[in-house]
């Protein structure tokens, strides 16, 4: 009987400790998520500025260039064989 009571009290204690640790962890992760959300727009702007400075073409820019080139080639083929 005493062992059962001690075991039950210990389980309550351990569950309480885990719950408190989880809540502290969620609070820390919430603060980190806010910091990342605040940093994200600035990082995107910096990446965009760097890309323009280094003349790096993004995937969407590249897709537009390829589409335009294919249209011109298609037009040339149509004119040639038309």
PDB file of N, CA and C in Angstrom:
ATOM      1  N   UNK A   1       0.807  -1.196   0.000  1.00  0.00           N
ATOM      2  CA  UNK A   1       0.000   0.000   0.000  1.00  0.00           C
ATOM      3  C   UNK A   1       0.857   1.271   0.000  1.00  0.00           C
ATOM      4  N   UNK A   2       1.857   1.274   0.834  1.00  0.00           N
ATOM      5  CA  UNK A   2       2.722   2.445   0.904  1.00  0.00           C
ATOM      6  C   UNK A   2       3.471   2.609  -0.430  1.00  0.00           C
ATOM      7  N   UNK A   3       3.909   1.483  -1.006  1.00  0.00           N
ATOM      8  CA  UNK A   3       4.642   1.535  -2.281  1.00  0.00           C
ATOM      9  C   UNK A   3       3.735   2.072  -3.390  1.00  0.00           C
ATOM     10  N   UNK A   4       2.465   1.650  -3.394  1.00  0.00           N
ATOM     11  CA  UNK A   4       1.522   2.149  -4.409  1.00  0.00           C
ATOM     12  C   UNK A   4       1.316   3.654  -4.272  1.00  0.00           C
ATOM     13  N   UNK A   5       1.196   4.107  -3.036  1.00  0.00           N
ATOM     14  CA  UNK A   5       0.977   5.537  -2.811  1.00  0.00           C
ATOM     15  C   UNK A   5       2.208   6.349  -3.224  1.00  0.00           C
ATOM     16  N   UNK A   6       3.390   5.852  -2.882  1.00  0.00           N
ATOM     17  CA  UNK A   6       4.628   6.528  -3.257  1.00  0.00           C
ATOM     18  C   UNK A   6       4.759   6.551  -4.775  1.00  0.00           C
ATOM     19  N   UNK A   7       4.464   5.431  -5.432  1.00  0.00           N
ATOM     20  CA  UNK A   7       4.549   5.365  -6.894  1.00  0.00           C
ATOM     21  C   UNK A   7       3.560   6.336  -7.533  1.00  0.00           C
ATOM     22  N   UNK A   8       2.349   6.407  -6.997  1.00  0.00           N
ATOM     23  CA  UNK A   8       1.332   7.314  -7.538  1.00  0.00           C
ATOM     24  C   UNK A   8       1.764   8.772  -7.368  1.00  0.00           C
ATOM     25  N   UNK A   9       2.298   9.120  -6.224  1.00  0.00           N
ATOM     26  CA  UNK A   9       2.765  10.482  -5.973  1.00  0.00           C
ATOM     27  C   UNK A   9       3.934  10.826  -6.893  1.00  0.00           C
ATOM     28  N   UNK A  10       4.812   9.840  -7.090  1.00  0.00           N
ATOM     29  CA  UNK A  10       5.954  10.063  -7.969  1.00  0.00           C
ATOM     30  C   UNK A  10       5.490  10.309  -9.410  1.00  0.00           C
ATOM     31  N   UNK A  11       4.532   9.539  -9.883  1.00  0.00           N
ATOM     32  CA  UNK A  11       4.007   9.730 -11.235  1.00  0.00           C
ATOM     33  C   UNK A  11       3.374  11.112 -11.394  1.00  0.00           C
ATOM     34  N   UNK A  12       2.642  11.570 -10.389  1.00  0.00           N
ATOM     35  CA  UNK A  12       2.054  12.904 -10.440  1.00  0.00           C
ATOM     36  C   UNK A  12       3.155  13.950 -10.516  1.00  0.00           C
ATOM     37  N   UNK A  13       4.186  13.762  -9.717  1.00  0.00           N
ATOM     38  CA  UNK A  13       5.308  14.693  -9.706  1.00  0.00           C
ATOM     39  C   UNK A  13       5.997  14.732 -11.079  1.00  0.00           C
ATOM     40  N   UNK A  14       6.275  13.564 -11.661  1.00  0.00           N
ATOM     41  CA  UNK A  14       6.962  13.490 -12.952  1.00  0.00           C
ATOM     42  C   UNK A  14       6.105  14.124 -14.047  1.00  0.00           C
ATOM     43  N   UNK A  15       4.802  13.845 -14.034  1.00  0.00           N
ATOM     44  CA  UNK A  15       3.910  14.436 -15.035  1.00  0.00           C
ATOM     45  C   UNK A  15       3.888  15.959 -14.921  1.00  0.00           C
ATOM     46  N   UNK A  16       3.888  16.448 -13.683  1.00  0.00           N
ATOM     47  CA  UNK A  16       3.898  17.890 -13.472  1.00  0.00           C
ATOM     48  C   UNK A  16       5.194  18.508 -14.003  1.00  0.00           C
ATOM     49  N   UNK A  17       6.316  17.867 -13.757  1.00  0.00           N
ATOM     50  CA  UNK A  17       7.603  18.356 -14.238  1.00  0.00           C
ATOM     51  C   UNK A  17       7.651  18.370 -15.769  1.00  0.00           C
ATOM     52  N   UNK A  18       7.168  17.302 -16.382  1.00  0.00           N
ATOM     53  CA  UNK A  18       7.139  17.262 -17.848  1.00  0.00           C
ATOM     54  C   UNK A  18       6.256  18.360 -18.419  1.00  0.00           C
ATOM     55  N   UNK A  19       5.101  18.573 -17.808  1.00  0.00           N
ATOM     56  CA  UNK A  19       4.188  19.601 -18.282  1.00  0.00           C
ATOM     57  C   UNK A  19       4.828  20.983 -18.175  1.00  0.00           C
ATOM     58  N   UNK A  20       5.462  21.273 -17.064  1.00  0.00           N
ATOM     59  CA  UNK A  20       6.124  22.563 -16.888  1.00  0.00           C
ATOM     60  C   UNK A  20       7.279  22.735 -17.877  1.00  0.00           C
ATOM     61  N   UNK A  21       8.036  21.673 -18.096  1.00  0.00           N
ATOM     62  CA  UNK A  21       9.150  21.742 -19.051  1.00  0.00           C
ATOM     63  C   UNK A  21       8.621  21.985 -20.462  1.00  0.00           C
ATOM     64  N   UNK A  22       7.528  21.332 -20.822  1.00  0.00           N
ATOM     65  CA  UNK A  22       6.933  21.546 -22.150  1.00  0.00           C
ATOM     66  C   UNK A  22       6.458  22.984 -22.305  1.00  0.00           C
ATOM     67  N   UNK A  23       5.824  23.528 -21.292  1.00  0.00           N
ATOM     68  CA  UNK A  23       5.345  24.909 -21.365  1.00  0.00           C
ATOM     69  C   UNK A  23       6.506  25.888 -21.513  1.00  0.00           C
ATOM     70  N   UNK A  24       7.595  25.655 -20.781  1.00  0.00           N
ATOM     71  CA  UNK A  24       8.771  26.511 -20.917  1.00  0.00           C
ATOM     72  C   UNK A  24       9.371  26.386 -22.318  1.00  0.00           C
ATOM     73  N   UNK A  25       9.400  25.155 -22.831  1.00  0.00           N
ATOM     74  CA  UNK A  25       9.915  24.934 -24.180  1.00  0.00           C
ATOM     75  C   UNK A  25       9.071  25.637 -25.229  1.00  0.00           C
ATOM     76  N   UNK A  26       7.741  25.542 -25.096  1.00  0.00           N
ATOM     77  CA  UNK A  26       6.852  26.238 -26.036  1.00  0.00           C
ATOM     78  C   UNK A  26       7.066  27.748 -25.983  1.00  0.00           C
ATOM     79  N   UNK A  27       7.276  28.268 -24.806  1.00  0.00           N
ATOM     80  CA  UNK A  27       7.500  29.715 -24.674  1.00  0.00           C
ATOM     81  C   UNK A  27       8.794  30.126 -25.372  1.00  0.00           C
ATOM     82  N   UNK A  28       9.842  29.354 -25.193  1.00  0.00           N
ATOM     83  CA  UNK A  28      11.129  29.649 -25.841  1.00  0.00           C
ATOM     84  C   UNK A  28      10.992  29.558 -27.357  1.00  0.00           C
ATOM     85  N   UNK A  29      10.337  28.490 -27.833  1.00  0.00           N
ATOM     86  CA  UNK A  29      10.155  28.328 -29.274  1.00  0.00           C
ATOM     87  C   UNK A  29       9.279  29.433 -29.855  1.00  0.00           C
ATOM     88  N   UNK A  30       8.293  29.881 -29.096  1.00  0.00           N
ATOM     89  CA  UNK A  30       7.448  30.989 -29.550  1.00  0.00           C
ATOM     90  C   UNK A  30       8.250  32.266 -29.731  1.00  0.00           C
ATOM     91  N   UNK A  31       9.144  32.542 -28.785  1.00  0.00           N
ATOM     92  CA  UNK A  31      10.004  33.734 -28.901  1.00  0.00           C
ATOM     93  C   UNK A  31      10.939  33.622 -30.099  1.00  0.00           C
ATOM     94  N   UNK A  32      11.496  32.432 -30.311  1.00  0.00           N
ATOM     95  CA  UNK A  32      12.382  32.239 -31.454  1.00  0.00           C
ATOM     96  C   UNK A  32      11.618  32.390 -32.770  1.00  0.00           C
ATOM     97  N   UNK A  33      10.390  31.882 -32.825  1.00  0.00           N
ATOM     98  CA  UNK A  33       9.573  32.009 -34.040  1.00  0.00           C
ATOM     99  C   UNK A  33       9.282  33.475 -34.339  1.00  0.00           C
ATOM    100  N   UNK A  34       8.983  34.251 -33.316  1.00  0.00           N
ATOM    101  CA  UNK A  34       8.739  35.683 -33.513  1.00  0.00           C
ATOM    102  C   UNK A  34       9.985  36.387 -34.041  1.00  0.00           C
ATOM    103  N   UNK A  35      11.130  36.037 -33.498  1.00  0.00           N
ATOM    104  CA  UNK A  35      12.381  36.649 -33.955  1.00  0.00           C
ATOM    105  C   UNK A  35      12.649  36.306 -35.414  1.00  0.00           C
ATOM    106  N   UNK A  36      12.377  35.076 -35.802  1.00  0.00           N
ATOM    107  CA  UNK A  36      12.582  34.659 -37.189  1.00  0.00           C
ATOM    108  C   UNK A  36      11.592  35.367 -38.103  1.00  0.00           C
ATOM    109  N   UNK A  37      10.339  35.489 -37.684  1.00  0.00           N
ATOM    110  CA  UNK A  37       9.338  36.191 -38.493  1.00  0.00           C
ATOM    111  C   UNK A  37       9.725  37.659 -38.684  1.00  0.00           C
ATOM    112  N   UNK A  38      10.270  38.263 -37.654  1.00  0.00           N
ATOM    113  CA  UNK A  38      10.681  39.664 -37.755  1.00  0.00           C
ATOM    114  C   UNK A  38      11.899  39.804 -38.676  1.00  0.00           C
ATOM    115  N   UNK A  39      12.766  38.825 -38.687  1.00  0.00           N
ATOM    116  CA  UNK A  39      13.992  38.858 -39.488  1.00  0.00           C
ATOM    117  C   UNK A  39      13.728  38.523 -40.954  1.00  0.00           C
ATOM    118  N   UNK A  40      12.705  37.767 -41.233  1.00  0.00           N
ATOM    119  CA  UNK A  40      12.442  37.256 -42.582  1.00  0.00           C
ATOM    120  C   UNK A  40      12.328  38.345 -43.656  1.00  0.00           C
ATOM    121  N   UNK A  41      11.522  39.387 -43.476  1.00  0.00           N
ATOM    122  CA  UNK A  41      11.435  40.403 -44.542  1.00  0.00           C
ATOM    123  C   UNK A  41      12.777  41.090 -44.830  1.00  0.00           C
ATOM    124  N   UNK A  42      13.530  41.346 -43.775  1.00  0.00           N
ATOM    125  CA  UNK A  42      14.834  41.988 -43.963  1.00  0.00           C
ATOM    126  C   UNK A  42      15.783  41.060 -44.721  1.00  0.00           C
ATOM    127  N   UNK A  43      15.754  39.787 -44.403  1.00  0.00           N
ATOM    128  CA  UNK A  43      16.601  38.825 -45.107  1.00  0.00           C
ATOM    129  C   UNK A  43      16.213  38.724 -46.573  1.00  0.00           C
ATOM    130  N   UNK A  44      14.912  38.751 -46.849  1.00  0.00           N
ATOM    131  CA  UNK A  44      14.451  38.689 -48.237  1.00  0.00           C
ATOM    132  C   UNK A  44      14.907  39.914 -49.006  1.00  0.00           C
ATOM    133  N   UNK A  45      14.799  41.080 -48.379  1.00  0.00           N
ATOM    134  CA  UNK A  45      15.262  42.302 -49.043  1.00  0.00           C
ATOM    135  C   UNK A  45      16.760  42.235 -49.315  1.00  0.00           C
ATOM    136  N   UNK A  46      17.527  41.787 -48.330  1.00  0.00           N
ATOM    137  CA  UNK A  46      18.980  41.685 -48.505  1.00  0.00           C
ATOM    138  C   UNK A  46      19.326  40.700 -49.621  1.00  0.00           C
ATOM    139  N   UNK A  47      18.610  39.582 -49.682  1.00  0.00           N
ATOM    140  CA  UNK A  47      18.865  38.598 -50.729  1.00  0.00           C
ATOM    141  C   UNK A  47      18.534  39.177 -52.099  1.00  0.00           C
ATOM    142  N   UNK A  48      17.451  39.934 -52.175  1.00  0.00           N
ATOM    143  CA  UNK A  48      17.063  40.557 -53.442  1.00  0.00           C
ATOM    144  C   UNK A  48      18.102  41.587 -53.887  1.00  0.00           C
ATOM    145  N   UNK A  49      18.555  42.400 -52.963  1.00  0.00           N
ATOM    146  CA  UNK A  49      19.587  43.405 -53.277  1.00  0.00           C
ATOM    147  C   UNK A  49      20.872  42.721 -53.726  1.00  0.00           C
ATOM    148  N   UNK A  50      21.261  41.681 -53.022  1.00  0.00           N
ATOM    149  CA  UNK A  50      22.466  40.938 -53.379  1.00  0.00           C
ATOM    150  C   UNK A  50      22.324  40.330 -54.773  1.00  0.00           C
ATOM    151  N   UNK A  51      21.144  39.748 -55.058  1.00  0.00           N
ATOM    152  CA  UNK A  51      20.915  39.141 -56.362  1.00  0.00           C
ATOM    153  C   UNK A  51      21.027  40.152 -57.496  1.00  0.00           C
ATOM    154  N   UNK A  52      20.444  41.329 -57.294  1.00  0.00           N
ATOM    155  CA  UNK A  52      20.545  42.368 -58.327  1.00  0.00           C
ATOM    156  C   UNK A  52      21.989  42.848 -58.472  1.00  0.00           C
ATOM    157  N   UNK A  53      22.671  43.012 -57.357  1.00  0.00           N
ATOM    158  CA  UNK A  53      24.052  43.492 -57.379  1.00  0.00           C
ATOM    159  C   UNK A  53      24.965  42.504 -58.102  1.00  0.00           C
ATOM    160  N   UNK A  54      24.766  41.234 -57.872  1.00  0.00           N
ATOM    161  CA  UNK A  54      25.611  40.199 -58.464  1.00  0.00           C
ATOM    162  C   UNK A  54      25.046  39.680 -59.793  1.00  0.00           C
ATOM    163  N   UNK A  55      23.953  40.298 -60.252  1.00  0.00           N
ATOM    164  CA  UNK A  55      23.292  39.924 -61.503  1.00  0.00           C
ATOM    165  C   UNK A  55      22.900  38.453 -61.521  1.00  0.00           C
ATOM    166  N   UNK A  56      22.307  38.007 -60.421  1.00  0.00           N
ATOM    167  CA  UNK A  56      21.822  36.636 -60.310  1.00  0.00           C
ATOM    168  C   UNK A  56      20.362  36.620 -60.740  1.00  0.00           C
ATOM    169  N   UNK A  57      20.019  35.692 -61.597  1.00  0.00           N
ATOM    170  CA  UNK A  57      18.645  35.582 -62.095  1.00  0.00           C
ATOM    171  C   UNK A  57      17.915  34.549 -61.244  1.00  0.00           C
ATOM    172  N   UNK A  58      16.736  34.920 -60.787  1.00  0.00           N
ATOM    173  CA  UNK A  58      15.943  33.989 -59.994  1.00  0.00           C
ATOM    174  C   UNK A  58      15.266  32.974 -60.905  1.00  0.00           C
ATOM    175  N   UNK A  59      14.717  31.937 -60.315  1.00  0.00           N
ATOM    176  CA  UNK A  59      14.034  30.907 -61.085  1.00  0.00           C
ATOM    177  C   UNK A  59      12.864  31.496 -61.869  1.00  0.00           C
ATOM    178  N   UNK A  60      12.100  32.368 -61.238  1.00  0.00           N
ATOM    179  CA  UNK A  60      10.953  32.962 -61.934  1.00  0.00           C
ATOM    180  C   UNK A  60      11.420  33.865 -63.072  1.00  0.00           C
ATOM    181  N   UNK A  61      12.482  34.626 -62.849  1.00  0.00           N
ATOM    182  CA  UNK A  61      13.045  35.450 -63.924  1.00  0.00           C
ATOM    183  C   UNK A  61      13.538  34.566 -65.067  1.00  0.00           C
ATOM    184  N   UNK A  62      14.215  33.505 -64.709  1.00  0.00           N
ATOM    185  CA  UNK A  62      14.750  32.581 -65.697  1.00  0.00           C
ATOM    186  C   UNK A  62      13.620  31.943 -66.499  1.00  0.00           C
ATOM    187  N   UNK A  63      12.536  31.597 -65.843  1.00  0.00           N
ATOM    188  CA  UNK A  63      11.386  30.994 -66.513  1.00  0.00           C
ATOM    189  C   UNK A  63      10.817  31.974 -67.542  1.00  0.00           C
ATOM    190  N   UNK A  64      10.716  33.242 -67.168  1.00  0.00           N
ATOM    191  CA  UNK A  64      10.220  34.259 -68.092  1.00  0.00           C
ATOM    192  C   UNK A  64      11.125  34.408 -69.303  1.00  0.00           C
ATOM    193  N   UNK A  65      12.423  34.379 -69.085  1.00  0.00           N
ATOM    194  CA  UNK A  65      13.392  34.503 -70.173  1.00  0.00           C
ATOM    195  C   UNK A  65      13.268  33.300 -71.109  1.00  0.00           C
ATOM    196  N   UNK A  66      13.163  32.102 -70.541  1.00  0.00           N
ATOM    197  CA  UNK A  66      13.031  30.904 -71.373  1.00  0.00           C
ATOM    198  C   UNK A  66      11.730  30.917 -72.174  1.00  0.00           C
ATOM    199  N   UNK A  67      10.653  31.331 -71.561  1.00  0.00           N
ATOM    200  CA  UNK A  67       9.366  31.407 -72.258  1.00  0.00           C
ATOM    201  C   UNK A  67       9.449  32.380 -73.430  1.00  0.00           C
ATOM    202  N   UNK A  68      10.030  33.527 -73.191  1.00  0.00           N
ATOM    203  CA  UNK A  68      10.173  34.528 -74.246  1.00  0.00           C
ATOM    204  C   UNK A  68      11.054  33.998 -75.383  1.00  0.00           C
ATOM    205  N   UNK A  69      12.125  33.318 -75.036  1.00  0.00           N
ATOM    206  CA  UNK A  69      13.035  32.754 -76.048  1.00  0.00           C
ATOM    207  C   UNK A  69      12.333  31.692 -76.865  1.00  0.00           C
ATOM    208  N   UNK A  70      11.533  30.839 -76.218  1.00  0.00           N
ATOM    209  CA  UNK A  70      10.793  29.805 -76.943  1.00  0.00           C
ATOM    210  C   UNK A  70       9.761  30.421 -77.886  1.00  0.00           C
ATOM    211  N   UNK A  71       9.122  31.512 -77.448  1.00  0.00           N
ATOM    212  CA  UNK A  71       8.164  32.190 -78.325  1.00  0.00           C
ATOM    213  C   UNK A  71       8.864  32.723 -79.570  1.00  0.00           C
ATOM    214  N   UNK A  72      10.047  33.308 -79.401  1.00  0.00           N
ATOM    215  CA  UNK A  72      10.793  33.842 -80.541  1.00  0.00           C
ATOM    216  C   UNK A  72      11.232  32.726 -81.482  1.00  0.00           C
ATOM    217  N   UNK A  73      11.716  31.608 -80.904  1.00  0.00           N
ATOM    218  CA  UNK A  73      12.125  30.487 -81.735  1.00  0.00           C
ATOM    219  C   UNK A  73      10.928  29.914 -82.502  1.00  0.00           C
ATOM    220  N   UNK A  74       9.808  29.791 -81.815  1.00  0.00           N
ATOM    221  CA  UNK A  74       8.606  29.282 -82.471  1.00  0.00           C
ATOM    222  C   UNK A  74       8.184  30.214 -83.614  1.00  0.00           C
ATOM    223  N   UNK A  75       8.246  31.526 -83.340  1.00  0.00           N
ATOM    224  CA  UNK A  75       7.921  32.487 -84.382  1.00  0.00           C
ATOM    225  C   UNK A  75       8.864  32.363 -85.562  1.00  0.00           C
ATOM    226  N   UNK A  76      10.141  32.190 -85.310  1.00  0.00           N
ATOM    227  CA  UNK A  76      11.124  32.036 -86.378  1.00  0.00           C
ATOM    228  C   UNK A  76      10.863  30.779 -87.190  1.00  0.00           C
ATOM    229  N   UNK A  77      10.553  29.684 -86.526  1.00  0.00           N
ATOM    230  CA  UNK A  77      10.261  28.441 -87.231  1.00  0.00           C
ATOM    231  C   UNK A  77       8.992  28.578 -88.073  1.00  0.00           C
ATOM    232  N   UNK A  78       7.995  29.243 -87.526  1.00  0.00           N
ATOM    233  CA  UNK A  78       6.755  29.447 -88.259  1.00  0.00           C
ATOM    234  C   UNK A  78       7.010  30.283 -89.513  1.00  0.00           C
ATOM    235  N   UNK A  79       7.815  31.330 -89.358  1.00  0.00           N
ATOM    236  CA  UNK A  79       8.150  32.173 -90.513  1.00  0.00           C
ATOM    237  C   UNK A  79       8.970  31.385 -91.550  1.00  0.00           C
ATOM    238  N   UNK A  80       9.877  30.556 -91.061  1.00  0.00           N
ATOM    239  CA  UNK A  80      10.765  29.805 -91.954  1.00  0.00           C
ATOM    240  C   UNK A  80      10.003  28.736 -92.739  1.00  0.00           C
ATOM    241  N   UNK A  81       9.154  27.959 -91.999  1.00  0.00           N
ATOM    242  CA  UNK A  81       8.427  26.871 -92.638  1.00  0.00           C
ATOM    243  C   UNK A  81       7.043  27.277 -93.098  1.00  0.00           C
ATOM    244  N   UNK A  82       6.568  28.478 -92.707  1.00  0.00           N
ATOM    245  CA  UNK A  82       5.207  28.941 -93.014  1.00  0.00           C
ATOM    246  C   UNK A  82       5.086  29.366 -94.393  1.00  0.00           C
TER     247      UNK A  82
END
